Amino acid sequence: MALRAGTYKFTSTFKAKDSGEYIFYNFTITVEDNSEVETIDLSSPIRESVSHSIIIENPTDQEIEVSRSQFTIQNEYIEIHPETQVFKAHESREF
């Protein structure tokens, strides 16, 4: 579940503690852009603010933490609050 599209390479090594024997696997994973990503257009008259809430869903069986740094923001005037949110398994919430 990569956050960005691209090609990722990594090696996974399994080693026996007693004998020192090991085996390794090289992985090359290609992640494509998600066609479901939505762009939110925000506009307002001069000196007036505008806001838009989004719903984030945790479809996994684990608790996850979503932080502000995981969002791609191309405007210095956009703020995301709070800094982090913790989502329990299968929970969704407005952010």
PDB file of N, CA and C in Angstrom:
ATOM      1  N   MET A   1       0.850  -1.180   0.000  1.00  0.00           N
ATOM      2  CA  MET A   1       0.000   0.000   0.000  1.00  0.00           C
ATOM      3  C   MET A   1       0.896   1.244   0.000  1.00  0.00           C
ATOM      4  N   ALA A   2       1.506   1.494  -1.139  1.00  0.00           N
ATOM      5  CA  ALA A   2       2.406   2.637  -1.273  1.00  0.00           C
ATOM      6  C   ALA A   2       1.606   3.932  -1.355  1.00  0.00           C
ATOM      7  N   LEU A   3       2.200   5.003  -0.902  1.00  0.00           N
ATOM      8  CA  LEU A   3       1.540   6.304  -0.930  1.00  0.00           C
ATOM      9  C   LEU A   3       1.751   7.029  -2.251  1.00  0.00           C
ATOM     10  N   ARG A   4       2.796   6.693  -2.979  1.00  0.00           N
ATOM     11  CA  ARG A   4       3.120   7.377  -4.228  1.00  0.00           C
ATOM     12  C   ARG A   4       3.398   6.357  -5.319  1.00  0.00           C
ATOM     13  N   ALA A   5       3.057   6.735  -6.547  1.00  0.00           N
ATOM     14  CA  ALA A   5       3.326   5.870  -7.693  1.00  0.00           C
ATOM     15  C   ALA A   5       4.824   5.840  -7.966  1.00  0.00           C
ATOM     16  N   GLY A   6       5.310   4.724  -8.492  1.00  0.00           N
ATOM     17  CA  GLY A   6       6.721   4.602  -8.832  1.00  0.00           C
ATOM     18  C   GLY A   6       7.172   3.158  -8.770  1.00  0.00           C
ATOM     19  N   THR A   7       8.447   2.938  -8.977  1.00  0.00           N
ATOM     20  CA  THR A   7       9.030   1.609  -8.895  1.00  0.00           C
ATOM     21  C   THR A   7       9.884   1.534  -7.637  1.00  0.00           C
ATOM     22  N   TYR A   8       9.622   0.535  -6.825  1.00  0.00           N
ATOM     23  CA  TYR A   8      10.318   0.367  -5.553  1.00  0.00           C
ATOM     24  C   TYR A   8      11.074  -0.955  -5.569  1.00  0.00           C
ATOM     25  N   LYS A   9      12.321  -0.940  -5.105  1.00  0.00           N
ATOM     26  CA  LYS A   9      13.151  -2.138  -5.038  1.00  0.00           C
ATOM     27  C   LYS A   9      13.564  -2.371  -3.591  1.00  0.00           C
ATOM     28  N   PHE A  10      13.498  -3.628  -3.158  1.00  0.00           N
ATOM     29  CA  PHE A  10      13.981  -3.968  -1.823  1.00  0.00           C
ATOM     30  C   PHE A  10      14.374  -5.436  -1.775  1.00  0.00           C
ATOM     31  N   THR A  11      15.147  -5.800  -0.764  1.00  0.00           N
ATOM     32  CA  THR A  11      15.606  -7.170  -0.562  1.00  0.00           C
ATOM     33  C   THR A  11      15.120  -7.652   0.794  1.00  0.00           C
ATOM     34  N   SER A  12      14.637  -8.878   0.823  1.00  0.00           N
ATOM     35  CA  SER A  12      14.212  -9.498   2.072  1.00  0.00           C
ATOM     36  C   SER A  12      15.128 -10.698   2.323  1.00  0.00           C
ATOM     37  N   THR A  13      15.802 -10.728   3.484  1.00  0.00           N
ATOM     38  CA  THR A  13      16.756 -11.789   3.809  1.00  0.00           C
ATOM     39  C   THR A  13      16.274 -12.569   5.015  1.00  0.00           C
ATOM     40  N   PHE A  14      16.316 -13.890   4.913  1.00  0.00           N
ATOM     41  CA  PHE A  14      15.959 -14.777   6.012  1.00  0.00           C
ATOM     42  C   PHE A  14      17.220 -15.538   6.408  1.00  0.00           C
ATOM     43  N   LYS A  15      17.567 -15.512   7.721  1.00  0.00           N
ATOM     44  CA  LYS A  15      18.813 -16.110   8.176  1.00  0.00           C
ATOM     45  C   LYS A  15      18.550 -17.016   9.383  1.00  0.00           C
ATOM     46  N   ALA A  16      19.147 -18.212   9.353  1.00  0.00           N
ATOM     47  CA  ALA A  16      19.068 -19.149  10.475  1.00  0.00           C
ATOM     48  C   ALA A  16      20.098 -18.731  11.520  1.00  0.00           C
ATOM     49  N   LYS A  17      19.667 -18.540  12.766  1.00  0.00           N
ATOM     50  CA  LYS A  17      20.566 -18.067  13.818  1.00  0.00           C
ATOM     51  C   LYS A  17      21.682 -19.067  14.117  1.00  0.00           C
ATOM     52  N   ASP A  18      21.350 -20.370  14.215  1.00  0.00           N
ATOM     53  CA  ASP A  18      22.356 -21.351  14.620  1.00  0.00           C
ATOM     54  C   ASP A  18      23.384 -21.650  13.535  1.00  0.00           C
ATOM     55  N   SER A  19      22.947 -21.843  12.303  1.00  0.00           N
ATOM     56  CA  SER A  19      23.891 -22.254  11.257  1.00  0.00           C
ATOM     57  C   SER A  19      24.440 -21.086  10.438  1.00  0.00           C
ATOM     58  N   GLY A  20      23.772 -19.947  10.458  1.00  0.00           N
ATOM     59  CA  GLY A  20      24.211 -18.807   9.663  1.00  0.00           C
ATOM     60  C   GLY A  20      23.767 -18.881   8.205  1.00  0.00           C
ATOM     61  N   GLU A  21      23.052 -19.953   7.857  1.00  0.00           N
ATOM     62  CA  GLU A  21      22.568 -20.077   6.489  1.00  0.00           C
ATOM     63  C   GLU A  21      21.530 -18.988   6.223  1.00  0.00           C
ATOM     64  N   TYR A  22      21.471 -18.548   4.991  1.00  0.00           N
ATOM     65  CA  TYR A  22      20.511 -17.499   4.659  1.00  0.00           C
ATOM     66  C   TYR A  22      20.012 -17.674   3.229  1.00  0.00           C
ATOM     67  N   ILE A  23      18.903 -17.060   2.980  1.00  0.00           N
ATOM     68  CA  ILE A  23      18.336 -16.974   1.636  1.00  0.00           C
ATOM     69  C   ILE A  23      17.765 -15.569   1.502  1.00  0.00           C
ATOM     70  N   PHE A  24      17.892 -14.994   0.321  1.00  0.00           N
ATOM     71  CA  PHE A  24      17.353 -13.651   0.138  1.00  0.00           C
ATOM     72  C   PHE A  24      16.547 -13.586  -1.154  1.00  0.00           C
ATOM     73  N   TYR A  25      15.611 -12.664  -1.165  1.00  0.00           N
ATOM     74  CA  TYR A  25      14.752 -12.428  -2.322  1.00  0.00           C
ATOM     75  C   TYR A  25      14.839 -10.949  -2.679  1.00  0.00           C
ATOM     76  N   ASN A  26      15.021 -10.671  -3.963  1.00  0.00           N
ATOM     77  CA  ASN A  26      15.008  -9.295  -4.464  1.00  0.00           C
ATOM     78  C   ASN A  26      13.632  -9.012  -5.049  1.00  0.00           C
ATOM     79  N   PHE A  27      13.052  -7.906  -4.658  1.00  0.00           N
ATOM     80  CA  PHE A  27      11.723  -7.521  -5.133  1.00  0.00           C
ATOM     81  C   PHE A  27      11.798  -6.221  -5.910  1.00  0.00           C
ATOM     82  N   THR A  28      11.056  -6.140  -6.978  1.00  0.00           N
ATOM     83  CA  THR A  28      10.838  -4.896  -7.710  1.00  0.00           C
ATOM     84  C   THR A  28       9.332  -4.747  -7.841  1.00  0.00           C
ATOM     85  N   ILE A  29       8.793  -3.724  -7.221  1.00  0.00           N
ATOM     86  CA  ILE A  29       7.355  -3.490  -7.190  1.00  0.00           C
ATOM     87  C   ILE A  29       7.050  -2.207  -7.959  1.00  0.00           C
ATOM     88  N   THR A  30       6.100  -2.283  -8.880  1.00  0.00           N
ATOM     89  CA  THR A  30       5.665  -1.102  -9.619  1.00  0.00           C
ATOM     90  C   THR A  30       4.284  -0.702  -9.115  1.00  0.00           C
ATOM     91  N   VAL A  31       4.179   0.527  -8.638  1.00  0.00           N
ATOM     92  CA  VAL A  31       2.923   1.055  -8.109  1.00  0.00           C
ATOM     93  C   VAL A  31       2.397   2.076  -9.113  1.00  0.00           C
ATOM     94  N   GLU A  32       1.143   1.887  -9.523  1.00  0.00           N
ATOM     95  CA  GLU A  32       0.523   2.794 -10.488  1.00  0.00           C
ATOM     96  C   GLU A  32      -0.295   3.854  -9.765  1.00  0.00           C
ATOM     97  N   ASP A  33      -0.556   4.966 -10.463  1.00  0.00           N
ATOM     98  CA  ASP A  33      -1.407   6.008  -9.900  1.00  0.00           C
ATOM     99  C   ASP A  33      -2.800   5.456  -9.655  1.00  0.00           C
ATOM    100  N   ASN A  34      -3.425   5.938  -8.618  1.00  0.00           N
ATOM    101  CA  ASN A  34      -4.778   5.532  -8.278  1.00  0.00           C
ATOM    102  C   ASN A  34      -5.762   6.412  -9.035  1.00  0.00           C
ATOM    103  N   SER A  35      -6.609   5.793  -9.817  1.00  0.00           N
ATOM    104  CA  SER A  35      -7.579   6.566 -10.597  1.00  0.00           C
ATOM    105  C   SER A  35      -8.694   7.140  -9.726  1.00  0.00           C
ATOM    106  N   GLU A  36      -8.796   6.687  -8.483  1.00  0.00           N
ATOM    107  CA  GLU A  36      -9.855   7.140  -7.592  1.00  0.00           C
ATOM    108  C   GLU A  36      -9.474   8.384  -6.794  1.00  0.00           C
ATOM    109  N   VAL A  37      -8.266   8.900  -6.977  1.00  0.00           N
ATOM    110  CA  VAL A  37      -7.830  10.082  -6.235  1.00  0.00           C
ATOM    111  C   VAL A  37      -8.631  11.289  -6.715  1.00  0.00           C
ATOM    112  N   GLU A  38      -9.135  12.031  -5.779  1.00  0.00           N
ATOM    113  CA  GLU A  38      -9.985  13.178  -6.082  1.00  0.00           C
ATOM    114  C   GLU A  38      -9.209  14.472  -5.882  1.00  0.00           C
ATOM    115  N   THR A  39      -9.423  15.417  -6.771  1.00  0.00           N
ATOM    116  CA  THR A  39      -8.859  16.751  -6.615  1.00  0.00           C
ATOM    117  C   THR A  39      -9.960  17.661  -6.109  1.00  0.00           C
ATOM    118  N   ILE A  40      -9.677  18.390  -5.055  1.00  0.00           N
ATOM    119  CA  ILE A  40     -10.668  19.290  -4.469  1.00  0.00           C
ATOM    120  C   ILE A  40     -10.292  20.712  -4.842  1.00  0.00           C
ATOM    121  N   ASP A  41     -11.186  21.378  -5.532  1.00  0.00           N
ATOM    122  CA  ASP A  41     -10.957  22.759  -5.939  1.00  0.00           C
ATOM    123  C   ASP A  41     -11.573  23.691  -4.901  1.00  0.00           C
ATOM    124  N   LEU A  42     -10.768  24.553  -4.306  1.00  0.00           N
ATOM    125  CA  LEU A  42     -11.252  25.506  -3.316  1.00  0.00           C
ATOM    126  C   LEU A  42     -11.065  26.922  -3.857  1.00  0.00           C
ATOM    127  N   SER A  43     -12.123  27.698  -3.847  1.00  0.00           N
ATOM    128  CA  SER A  43     -12.008  29.104  -4.242  1.00  0.00           C
ATOM    129  C   SER A  43     -12.981  29.920  -3.409  1.00  0.00           C
ATOM    130  N   SER A  44     -12.601  31.155  -3.158  1.00  0.00           N
ATOM    131  CA  SER A  44     -13.449  32.046  -2.367  1.00  0.00           C
ATOM    132  C   SER A  44     -13.164  33.482  -2.777  1.00  0.00           C
ATOM    133  N   PRO A  45     -14.084  34.370  -2.451  1.00  0.00           N
ATOM    134  CA  PRO A  45     -13.825  35.795  -2.697  1.00  0.00           C
ATOM    135  C   PRO A  45     -12.630  36.264  -1.855  1.00  0.00           C
ATOM    136  N   ILE A  46     -12.059  37.366  -2.225  1.00  0.00           N
ATOM    137  CA  ILE A  46     -10.900  37.910  -1.527  1.00  0.00           C
ATOM    138  C   ILE A  46     -11.221  38.146  -0.053  1.00  0.00           C
ATOM    139  N   ARG A  47     -10.277  37.787   0.801  1.00  0.00           N
ATOM    140  CA  ARG A  47     -10.344  37.955   2.262  1.00  0.00           C
ATOM    141  C   ARG A  47     -11.456  37.147   2.930  1.00  0.00           C
ATOM    142  N   GLU A  48     -11.924  36.122   2.280  1.00  0.00           N
ATOM    143  CA  GLU A  48     -12.885  35.215   2.898  1.00  0.00           C
ATOM    144  C   GLU A  48     -12.300  33.814   2.871  1.00  0.00           C
ATOM    145  N   SER A  49     -12.601  33.054   3.890  1.00  0.00           N
ATOM    146  CA  SER A  49     -12.049  31.694   3.947  1.00  0.00           C
ATOM    147  C   SER A  49     -13.053  30.687   3.392  1.00  0.00           C
ATOM    148  N   VAL A  50     -12.541  29.553   3.023  1.00  0.00           N
ATOM    149  CA  VAL A  50     -13.368  28.463   2.527  1.00  0.00           C
ATOM    150  C   VAL A  50     -12.837  27.174   3.147  1.00  0.00           C
ATOM    151  N   SER A  51     -13.709  26.227   3.395  1.00  0.00           N
ATOM    152  CA  SER A  51     -13.264  24.958   3.969  1.00  0.00           C
ATOM    153  C   SER A  51     -13.969  23.800   3.272  1.00  0.00           C
ATOM    154  N   HIS A  52     -13.353  22.648   3.368  1.00  0.00           N
ATOM    155  CA  HIS A  52     -13.919  21.442   2.779  1.00  0.00           C
ATOM    156  C   HIS A  52     -13.455  20.265   3.623  1.00  0.00           C
ATOM    157  N   SER A  53     -14.350  19.429   4.050  1.00  0.00           N
ATOM    158  CA  SER A  53     -13.999  18.249   4.839  1.00  0.00           C
ATOM    159  C   SER A  53     -13.922  17.036   3.925  1.00  0.00           C
ATOM    160  N   ILE A  54     -13.035  16.104   4.280  1.00  0.00           N
ATOM    161  CA  ILE A  54     -12.960  14.849   3.550  1.00  0.00           C
ATOM    162  C   ILE A  54     -13.151  13.708   4.539  1.00  0.00           C
ATOM    163  N   ILE A  55     -13.651  12.599   4.047  1.00  0.00           N
ATOM    164  CA  ILE A  55     -13.855  11.426   4.885  1.00  0.00           C
ATOM    165  C   ILE A  55     -12.725  10.447   4.604  1.00  0.00           C
ATOM    166  N   ILE A  56     -12.060  10.029   5.659  1.00  0.00           N
ATOM    167  CA  ILE A  56     -10.988   9.045   5.544  1.00  0.00           C
ATOM    168  C   ILE A  56     -11.460   7.765   6.210  1.00  0.00           C
ATOM    169  N   GLU A  57     -11.269   6.662   5.500  1.00  0.00           N
ATOM    170  CA  GLU A  57     -11.727   5.363   5.980  1.00  0.00           C
ATOM    171  C   GLU A  57     -10.528   4.439   6.178  1.00  0.00           C
ATOM    172  N   ASN A  58     -10.526   3.700   7.249  1.00  0.00           N
ATOM    173  CA  ASN A  58      -9.501   2.692   7.502  1.00  0.00           C
ATOM    174  C   ASN A  58     -10.105   1.323   7.192  1.00  0.00           C
ATOM    175  N   PRO A  59      -9.795   0.745   6.033  1.00  0.00           N
ATOM    176  CA  PRO A  59     -10.383  -0.547   5.668  1.00  0.00           C
ATOM    177  C   PRO A  59      -9.632  -1.743   6.250  1.00  0.00           C
ATOM    178  N   THR A  60      -8.558  -1.502   6.988  1.00  0.00           N
ATOM    179  CA  THR A  60      -7.730  -2.596   7.498  1.00  0.00           C
ATOM    180  C   THR A  60      -8.208  -3.097   8.856  1.00  0.00           C
ATOM    181  N   ASP A  61      -7.597  -4.165   9.306  1.00  0.00           N
ATOM    182  CA  ASP A  61      -7.903  -4.730  10.624  1.00  0.00           C
ATOM    183  C   ASP A  61      -6.988  -4.170  11.707  1.00  0.00           C
ATOM    184  N   GLN A  62      -6.168  -3.175  11.355  1.00  0.00           N
ATOM    185  CA  GLN A  62      -5.220  -2.597  12.302  1.00  0.00           C
ATOM    186  C   GLN A  62      -5.528  -1.126  12.537  1.00  0.00           C
ATOM    187  N   GLU A  63      -5.087  -0.620  13.682  1.00  0.00           N
ATOM    188  CA  GLU A  63      -5.205   0.806  13.974  1.00  0.00           C
ATOM    189  C   GLU A  63      -4.126   1.540  13.175  1.00  0.00           C
ATOM    190  N   ILE A  64      -4.485   2.655  12.550  1.00  0.00           N
ATOM    191  CA  ILE A  64      -3.507   3.421  11.771  1.00  0.00           C
ATOM    192  C   ILE A  64      -3.496   4.864  12.229  1.00  0.00           C
ATOM    193  N   GLU A  65      -2.402   5.544  11.922  1.00  0.00           N
ATOM    194  CA  GLU A  65      -2.267   6.961  12.241  1.00  0.00           C
ATOM    195  C   GLU A  65      -2.035   7.724  10.945  1.00  0.00           C
ATOM    196  N   VAL A  66      -2.846   8.741  10.713  1.00  0.00           N
ATOM    197  CA  VAL A  66      -2.718   9.580   9.522  1.00  0.00           C
ATOM    198  C   VAL A  66      -2.199  10.938   9.979  1.00  0.00           C
ATOM    199  N   SER A  67      -1.099  11.372   9.376  1.00  0.00           N
ATOM    200  CA  SER A  67      -0.527  12.659   9.761  1.00  0.00           C
ATOM    201  C   SER A  67      -0.626  13.658   8.615  1.00  0.00           C
ATOM    202  N   ARG A  68      -0.487  14.903   8.952  1.00  0.00           N
ATOM    203  CA  ARG A  68      -0.557  15.998   7.985  1.00  0.00           C
ATOM    204  C   ARG A  68       0.476  15.835   6.869  1.00  0.00           C
ATOM    205  N   SER A  69       1.630  15.275   7.180  1.00  0.00           N
ATOM    206  CA  SER A  69       2.706  15.134   6.196  1.00  0.00           C
ATOM    207  C   SER A  69       2.368  14.144   5.085  1.00  0.00           C
ATOM    208  N   GLN A  70       1.329  13.339   5.246  1.00  0.00           N
ATOM    209  CA  GLN A  70       0.949  12.371   4.228  1.00  0.00           C
ATOM    210  C   GLN A  70       0.089  12.990   3.121  1.00  0.00           C
ATOM    211  N   PHE A  71      -0.300  14.238   3.272  1.00  0.00           N
ATOM    212  CA  PHE A  71      -1.100  14.926   2.263  1.00  0.00           C
ATOM    213  C   PHE A  71      -0.195  15.723   1.337  1.00  0.00           C
ATOM    214  N   THR A  72      -0.559  15.792   0.068  1.00  0.00           N
ATOM    215  CA  THR A  72       0.167  16.612  -0.898  1.00  0.00           C
ATOM    216  C   THR A  72      -0.605  17.918  -1.052  1.00  0.00           C
ATOM    217  N   ILE A  73       0.003  19.014  -0.635  1.00  0.00           N
ATOM    218  CA  ILE A  73      -0.651  20.319  -0.684  1.00  0.00           C
ATOM    219  C   ILE A  73       0.214  21.253  -1.507  1.00  0.00           C
ATOM    220  N   GLN A  74      -0.389  21.874  -2.510  1.00  0.00           N
ATOM    221  CA  GLN A  74       0.371  22.732  -3.405  1.00  0.00           C
ATOM    222  C   GLN A  74       0.070  24.209  -3.184  1.00  0.00           C
ATOM    223  N   ASN A  75      -0.486  24.538  -2.028  1.00  0.00           N
ATOM    224  CA  ASN A  75      -0.816  25.925  -1.724  1.00  0.00           C
ATOM    225  C   ASN A  75      -0.428  26.207  -0.278  1.00  0.00           C
ATOM    226  N   GLU A  76       0.359  27.233  -0.058  1.00  0.00           N
ATOM    227  CA  GLU A  76       0.859  27.540   1.282  1.00  0.00           C
ATOM    228  C   GLU A  76      -0.227  28.009   2.243  1.00  0.00           C
ATOM    229  N   TYR A  77      -1.388  28.376   1.746  1.00  0.00           N
ATOM    230  CA  TYR A  77      -2.455  28.893   2.603  1.00  0.00           C
ATOM    231  C   TYR A  77      -3.437  27.815   3.056  1.00  0.00           C
ATOM    232  N   ILE A  78      -3.252  26.593   2.618  1.00  0.00           N
ATOM    233  CA  ILE A  78      -4.138  25.500   3.029  1.00  0.00           C
ATOM    234  C   ILE A  78      -3.595  24.880   4.302  1.00  0.00           C
ATOM    235  N   GLU A  79      -4.478  24.700   5.285  1.00  0.00           N
ATOM    236  CA  GLU A  79      -4.094  24.119   6.568  1.00  0.00           C
ATOM    237  C   GLU A  79      -4.896  22.857   6.808  1.00  0.00           C
ATOM    238  N   ILE A  80      -4.266  21.880   7.421  1.00  0.00           N
ATOM    239  CA  ILE A  80      -4.940  20.641   7.788  1.00  0.00           C
ATOM    240  C   ILE A  80      -4.839  20.491   9.294  1.00  0.00           C
ATOM    241  N   HIS A  81      -5.993  20.320   9.938  1.00  0.00           N
ATOM    242  CA  HIS A  81      -6.044  20.165  11.391  1.00  0.00           C
ATOM    243  C   HIS A  81      -6.842  18.925  11.726  1.00  0.00           C
ATOM    244  N   PRO A  82      -6.500  18.187  12.712  1.00  0.00           N
ATOM    245  CA  PRO A  82      -5.335  18.268  13.594  1.00  0.00           C
ATOM    246  C   PRO A  82      -4.089  17.714  12.917  1.00  0.00           C
ATOM    247  N   GLU A  83      -2.965  17.776  13.603  1.00  0.00           N
ATOM    248  CA  GLU A  83      -1.678  17.299  13.070  1.00  0.00           C
ATOM    249  C   GLU A  83      -1.744  15.811  12.720  1.00  0.00           C
ATOM    250  N   THR A  84      -2.311  15.011  13.611  1.00  0.00           N
ATOM    251  CA  THR A  84      -2.461  13.574  13.372  1.00  0.00           C
ATOM    252  C   THR A  84      -3.832  13.109  13.827  1.00  0.00           C
ATOM    253  N   GLN A  85      -4.278  12.022  13.220  1.00  0.00           N
ATOM    254  CA  GLN A  85      -5.534  11.370  13.598  1.00  0.00           C
ATOM    255  C   GLN A  85      -5.258   9.881  13.699  1.00  0.00           C
ATOM    256  N   VAL A  86      -5.811   9.223  14.691  1.00  0.00           N
ATOM    257  CA  VAL A  86      -5.676   7.771  14.830  1.00  0.00           C
ATOM    258  C   VAL A  86      -7.025   7.150  14.496  1.00  0.00           C
ATOM    259  N   PHE A  87      -6.997   6.170  13.586  1.00  0.00           N
ATOM    260  CA  PHE A  87      -8.210   5.487  13.151  1.00  0.00           C
ATOM    261  C   PHE A  87      -8.161   4.033  13.586  1.00  0.00           C
ATOM    262  N   LYS A  88      -9.199   3.596  14.270  1.00  0.00           N
ATOM    263  CA  LYS A  88      -9.304   2.190  14.671  1.00  0.00           C
ATOM    264  C   LYS A  88      -9.661   1.365  13.447  1.00  0.00           C
ATOM    265  N   ALA A  89      -9.588   0.060  13.564  1.00  0.00           N
ATOM    266  CA  ALA A  89      -9.895  -0.834  12.454  1.00  0.00           C
ATOM    267  C   ALA A  89     -11.327  -0.597  11.945  1.00  0.00           C
ATOM    268  N   HIS A  90     -11.465  -0.481  10.630  1.00  0.00           N
ATOM    269  CA  HIS A  90     -12.749  -0.320   9.948  1.00  0.00           C
ATOM    270  C   HIS A  90     -13.518   0.929  10.391  1.00  0.00           C
ATOM    271  N   GLU A  91     -12.816   1.957  10.782  1.00  0.00           N
ATOM    272  CA  GLU A  91     -13.442   3.196  11.211  1.00  0.00           C
ATOM    273  C   GLU A  91     -13.293   4.250  10.104  1.00  0.00           C
ATOM    274  N   SER A  92     -14.277   5.114   9.972  1.00  0.00           N
ATOM    275  CA  SER A  92     -14.143   6.239   9.061  1.00  0.00           C
ATOM    276  C   SER A  92     -14.505   7.514   9.821  1.00  0.00           C
ATOM    277  N   ARG A  93     -13.879   8.608   9.404  1.00  0.00           N
ATOM    278  CA  ARG A  93     -14.059   9.861  10.119  1.00  0.00           C
ATOM    279  C   ARG A  93     -13.814  11.033   9.186  1.00  0.00           C
ATOM    280  N   GLU A  94     -14.465  12.138   9.494  1.00  0.00           N
ATOM    281  CA  GLU A  94     -14.267  13.378   8.734  1.00  0.00           C
ATOM    282  C   GLU A  94     -12.969  14.030   9.199  1.00  0.00           C
ATOM    283  N   PHE A  95     -12.176  14.495   8.282  1.00  0.00           N
ATOM    284  CA  PHE A  95     -10.871  15.077   8.588  1.00  0.00           C
ATOM    285  C   PHE A  95     -10.843  16.497   8.083  1.00  0.00           C
TER     286      PHE A  95
END
